[in-house]
N, C-alpha and C. Protein backbone atom coordinates (compact mmCIF):
# COMPACT_ATOMS: atom_id res chain seq x y z
N UNK A 1 0.85 -1.17 0.00
CA UNK A 1 0.00 0.00 0.00
C UNK A 1 0.90 1.24 0.00
N UNK A 2 0.63 2.17 -0.89
CA UNK A 2 1.45 3.38 -0.94
C UNK A 2 0.80 4.49 -0.11
N UNK A 3 1.50 5.60 0.01
CA UNK A 3 1.04 6.69 0.85
C UNK A 3 -0.32 7.22 0.41
N UNK A 4 -0.54 7.37 -0.89
CA UNK A 4 -1.82 7.88 -1.39
C UNK A 4 -2.97 6.97 -0.98
N UNK A 5 -2.77 5.67 -1.07
CA UNK A 5 -3.81 4.71 -0.68
C UNK A 5 -4.09 4.79 0.82
N UNK A 6 -3.03 4.90 1.61
CA UNK A 6 -3.20 5.00 3.06
C UNK A 6 -3.92 6.29 3.42
N UNK A 7 -3.55 7.41 2.78
CA UNK A 7 -4.22 8.68 3.05
C UNK A 7 -5.70 8.63 2.69
N UNK A 8 -6.03 7.98 1.58
CA UNK A 8 -7.44 7.84 1.20
C UNK A 8 -8.21 7.04 2.24
N UNK A 9 -7.62 5.94 2.68
CA UNK A 9 -8.28 5.11 3.70
C UNK A 9 -8.43 5.87 5.01
N UNK A 10 -7.37 6.56 5.41
CA UNK A 10 -7.42 7.34 6.64
C UNK A 10 -8.49 8.42 6.55
N UNK A 11 -8.54 9.09 5.40
CA UNK A 11 -9.54 10.15 5.19
C UNK A 11 -10.96 9.59 5.27
N UNK A 12 -11.17 8.42 4.72
CA UNK A 12 -12.53 7.85 4.71
C UNK A 12 -12.98 7.44 6.11
N UNK A 13 -12.04 7.14 7.01
CA UNK A 13 -12.39 6.71 8.36
C UNK A 13 -12.22 7.81 9.40
N UNK A 14 -11.54 8.88 9.06
CA UNK A 14 -11.08 9.87 10.03
C UNK A 14 -12.17 10.34 10.99
N UNK A 15 -13.30 10.78 10.48
CA UNK A 15 -14.32 11.37 11.36
C UNK A 15 -15.19 10.33 12.07
N UNK A 16 -15.05 9.07 11.70
CA UNK A 16 -15.76 8.03 12.44
C UNK A 16 -14.89 7.45 13.55
N UNK A 17 -13.62 7.86 13.59
CA UNK A 17 -12.71 7.41 14.64
C UNK A 17 -12.89 8.29 15.88
N UNK A 18 -12.39 7.79 17.01
CA UNK A 18 -12.50 8.53 18.25
C UNK A 18 -11.54 9.73 18.25
N UNK A 19 -11.84 10.69 19.10
CA UNK A 19 -10.95 11.83 19.27
C UNK A 19 -9.57 11.37 19.72
N UNK A 20 -9.54 10.35 20.59
CA UNK A 20 -8.26 9.85 21.10
C UNK A 20 -7.40 9.25 19.98
N UNK A 21 -8.04 8.51 19.08
CA UNK A 21 -7.29 7.93 17.96
C UNK A 21 -6.76 9.03 17.06
N UNK A 22 -7.61 10.00 16.74
CA UNK A 22 -7.17 11.10 15.87
C UNK A 22 -6.04 11.90 16.53
N UNK A 23 -6.13 12.10 17.85
CA UNK A 23 -5.06 12.81 18.56
C UNK A 23 -3.76 12.00 18.54
N UNK A 24 -3.86 10.69 18.68
CA UNK A 24 -2.68 9.84 18.64
C UNK A 24 -2.00 9.93 17.27
N UNK A 25 -2.78 9.80 16.21
CA UNK A 25 -2.22 9.87 14.86
C UNK A 25 -1.60 11.25 14.62
N UNK A 26 -2.30 12.29 14.98
CA UNK A 26 -1.80 13.65 14.78
C UNK A 26 -0.50 13.87 15.57
N UNK A 27 -0.46 13.39 16.80
CA UNK A 27 0.74 13.55 17.62
C UNK A 27 1.92 12.79 17.05
N UNK A 28 1.68 11.58 16.57
CA UNK A 28 2.76 10.80 15.97
C UNK A 28 3.30 11.47 14.71
N UNK A 29 2.41 11.92 13.86
CA UNK A 29 2.84 12.58 12.62
C UNK A 29 3.57 13.89 12.95
N UNK A 30 3.05 14.64 13.90
CA UNK A 30 3.67 15.90 14.29
C UNK A 30 5.06 15.69 14.89
N UNK A 31 5.28 14.52 15.47
CA UNK A 31 6.54 14.22 16.13
C UNK A 31 7.65 13.82 15.17
N UNK A 32 7.30 13.56 13.93
CA UNK A 32 8.27 13.14 12.93
C UNK A 32 8.96 14.33 12.28
N UNK A 33 10.19 14.11 11.77
CA UNK A 33 10.81 15.18 10.98
C UNK A 33 9.89 15.57 9.82
N UNK A 34 9.64 16.85 9.68
CA UNK A 34 8.72 17.34 8.65
C UNK A 34 7.34 17.67 9.21
N UNK A 35 7.08 17.29 10.47
CA UNK A 35 5.78 17.54 11.08
C UNK A 35 5.74 18.79 11.93
N UNK A 36 6.71 19.66 11.74
CA UNK A 36 6.84 20.84 12.58
C UNK A 36 5.62 21.76 12.55
N UNK A 37 5.04 21.96 11.38
CA UNK A 37 3.86 22.83 11.27
C UNK A 37 2.69 22.27 12.08
N UNK A 38 2.48 20.96 11.98
CA UNK A 38 1.42 20.32 12.75
C UNK A 38 1.75 20.37 14.24
N UNK A 39 3.01 20.14 14.60
CA UNK A 39 3.43 20.20 16.00
C UNK A 39 3.17 21.59 16.58
N UNK A 40 3.50 22.63 15.81
CA UNK A 40 3.24 23.99 16.26
C UNK A 40 1.75 24.22 16.47
N UNK A 41 0.93 23.75 15.53
CA UNK A 41 -0.51 23.91 15.64
C UNK A 41 -1.04 23.21 16.89
N UNK A 42 -0.49 22.03 17.18
CA UNK A 42 -0.93 21.26 18.34
C UNK A 42 -0.27 21.72 19.64
N UNK A 43 0.68 22.65 19.54
CA UNK A 43 1.37 23.14 20.72
C UNK A 43 2.30 22.12 21.35
N UNK A 44 2.92 21.29 20.51
CA UNK A 44 3.73 20.19 21.01
C UNK A 44 5.20 20.51 21.16
N UNK A 45 5.70 21.53 20.54
CA UNK A 45 7.13 21.77 20.58
C UNK A 45 7.85 20.88 19.58
N UNK A 46 9.11 20.58 19.87
CA UNK A 46 9.93 19.81 18.94
C UNK A 46 9.53 18.35 18.88
N UNK A 47 9.78 17.74 17.72
CA UNK A 47 9.48 16.33 17.52
C UNK A 47 10.32 15.42 18.39
N UNK A 48 9.84 14.24 18.64
CA UNK A 48 10.55 13.31 19.50
C UNK A 48 10.66 11.92 18.89
N UNK A 49 10.30 11.78 17.63
CA UNK A 49 10.44 10.49 16.94
C UNK A 49 11.23 10.72 15.66
N UNK A 50 12.30 9.96 15.52
CA UNK A 50 13.07 10.00 14.28
C UNK A 50 12.59 8.90 13.35
N UNK A 51 13.21 8.82 12.18
CA UNK A 51 12.77 7.83 11.19
C UNK A 51 13.01 6.40 11.66
N UNK A 52 14.10 6.14 12.37
CA UNK A 52 14.37 4.78 12.86
C UNK A 52 13.31 4.37 13.88
N UNK A 53 12.96 5.29 14.78
CA UNK A 53 11.92 4.99 15.78
C UNK A 53 10.58 4.74 15.11
N UNK A 54 10.27 5.53 14.08
CA UNK A 54 9.02 5.34 13.34
C UNK A 54 9.01 3.98 12.64
N UNK A 55 10.15 3.61 12.07
CA UNK A 55 10.26 2.31 11.41
C UNK A 55 10.05 1.17 12.40
N UNK A 56 10.68 1.27 13.58
CA UNK A 56 10.52 0.24 14.61
C UNK A 56 9.07 0.15 15.08
N UNK A 57 8.43 1.28 15.27
CA UNK A 57 7.03 1.30 15.69
C UNK A 57 6.14 0.67 14.64
N UNK A 58 6.37 1.01 13.38
CA UNK A 58 5.59 0.42 12.29
C UNK A 58 5.76 -1.09 12.23
N UNK A 59 7.00 -1.56 12.35
CA UNK A 59 7.26 -3.00 12.34
C UNK A 59 6.57 -3.69 13.51
N UNK A 60 6.65 -3.06 14.68
CA UNK A 60 6.02 -3.64 15.87
C UNK A 60 4.51 -3.75 15.69
N UNK A 61 3.88 -2.69 15.22
CA UNK A 61 2.43 -2.70 15.04
C UNK A 61 2.01 -3.74 14.00
N UNK A 62 2.78 -3.87 12.92
CA UNK A 62 2.45 -4.86 11.90
C UNK A 62 2.69 -6.30 12.37
N UNK A 63 3.66 -6.48 13.25
CA UNK A 63 3.99 -7.83 13.73
C UNK A 63 2.97 -8.37 14.71
N UNK A 64 2.30 -7.48 15.44
CA UNK A 64 1.31 -7.94 16.43
C UNK A 64 0.02 -8.30 15.70
N UNK A 65 -0.44 -9.52 15.94
CA UNK A 65 -1.62 -10.02 15.22
C UNK A 65 -2.82 -10.27 16.13
N UNK A 66 -2.58 -10.40 17.44
CA UNK A 66 -3.69 -10.67 18.35
C UNK A 66 -3.32 -10.24 19.76
N UNK A 67 -4.26 -10.44 20.69
CA UNK A 67 -4.06 -9.98 22.06
C UNK A 67 -2.86 -10.63 22.72
N UNK A 68 -2.58 -11.88 22.39
CA UNK A 68 -1.43 -12.54 23.02
C UNK A 68 -0.12 -11.87 22.59
N UNK A 69 -0.06 -11.40 21.36
CA UNK A 69 1.12 -10.65 20.91
C UNK A 69 1.26 -9.35 21.68
N UNK A 70 0.16 -8.66 21.89
CA UNK A 70 0.17 -7.40 22.64
C UNK A 70 0.62 -7.67 24.07
N UNK A 71 0.11 -8.73 24.67
CA UNK A 71 0.51 -9.09 26.03
C UNK A 71 2.01 -9.36 26.10
N UNK A 72 2.53 -10.05 25.11
CA UNK A 72 3.96 -10.36 25.07
C UNK A 72 4.80 -9.09 24.98
N UNK A 73 4.39 -8.15 24.13
CA UNK A 73 5.11 -6.88 24.01
C UNK A 73 4.99 -6.09 25.31
N UNK A 74 3.80 -6.06 25.88
CA UNK A 74 3.59 -5.33 27.14
C UNK A 74 4.48 -5.89 28.23
N UNK A 75 4.60 -7.21 28.32
CA UNK A 75 5.46 -7.83 29.33
C UNK A 75 6.92 -7.46 29.09
N UNK A 76 7.34 -7.43 27.84
CA UNK A 76 8.71 -7.05 27.53
C UNK A 76 8.98 -5.60 27.96
N UNK A 77 8.03 -4.72 27.71
CA UNK A 77 8.19 -3.32 28.10
C UNK A 77 8.20 -3.20 29.62
N UNK A 78 7.28 -3.90 30.28
CA UNK A 78 7.23 -3.84 31.74
C UNK A 78 8.50 -4.41 32.36
N UNK A 79 9.03 -5.48 31.81
CA UNK A 79 10.26 -6.05 32.36
C UNK A 79 11.43 -5.09 32.20
N UNK A 80 11.42 -4.30 31.14
CA UNK A 80 12.46 -3.30 30.95
C UNK A 80 12.39 -2.25 32.06
N UNK A 81 11.19 -1.80 32.39
CA UNK A 81 11.02 -0.81 33.46
C UNK A 81 11.36 -1.40 34.82
N UNK A 82 10.96 -2.65 35.03
CA UNK A 82 11.23 -3.29 36.33
C UNK A 82 12.72 -3.57 36.52
N UNK A 83 13.42 -3.79 35.41
CA UNK A 83 14.83 -4.10 35.48
C UNK A 83 15.72 -2.89 35.71
N UNK A 84 15.15 -1.69 35.66
CA UNK A 84 15.95 -0.47 35.81
C UNK A 84 15.66 0.24 37.10
């Protein structure tokens, strides 16, 4: 799927999604290099996600297929916090 296809799909669903989902998407996009105008509009300041972080997040989201995958990732994140 290319960017134009994703934008069309996002546009078709945008207003039926929750405010929280739209805020999450907007915040993520604003946090990327090139999202400065959106970040300014949202009052977010400087971005905090680089391209490598975005790539890792995308891979993670695509790799998770069900609740057990989410639980596994959540446990890994929690163990990282508990270990520090």
